[in-house]
């Protein structure tokens, strides 16, 4: 009863990071939603006291990749980010998120992958296309 052509998943908070890793490994996931998930590991390193990060730590991860790299790795499959959070647990505004993921947006444009990354603003729950 499941259409394998349209499998999607949603991860909230730290589980969004787990889902992002799983999507890289599982090509059957055609779209994912990251809800209130950390914007980047780099942000966590720069925050003096990261909030609720223990379950998401991968030692040495930034030597190899950050979360935006994973978003790009699953392209052209759809990624929706709702109410992204910084390491302190505060909501990241859409403009800051676009800046954080600028290279992903630029690559999407060059490769004509409109709709690959979508950000839903926290305050209004209004979807904003970044392509």
Foldseek 3Di string as FASTA:
>chain_A
DDDLQAAEEEAEELRLLVVLVVLLVDLSHQEYEYEQYALKVVLLVPDPDFDPCVVNDDPPCVVPDMSLVSLLSNPPRAYEYEQYAGRNSHGDAPVVSCVSNVVSLVVCVVVVSFRRYWYQGHPPSHIDTSD
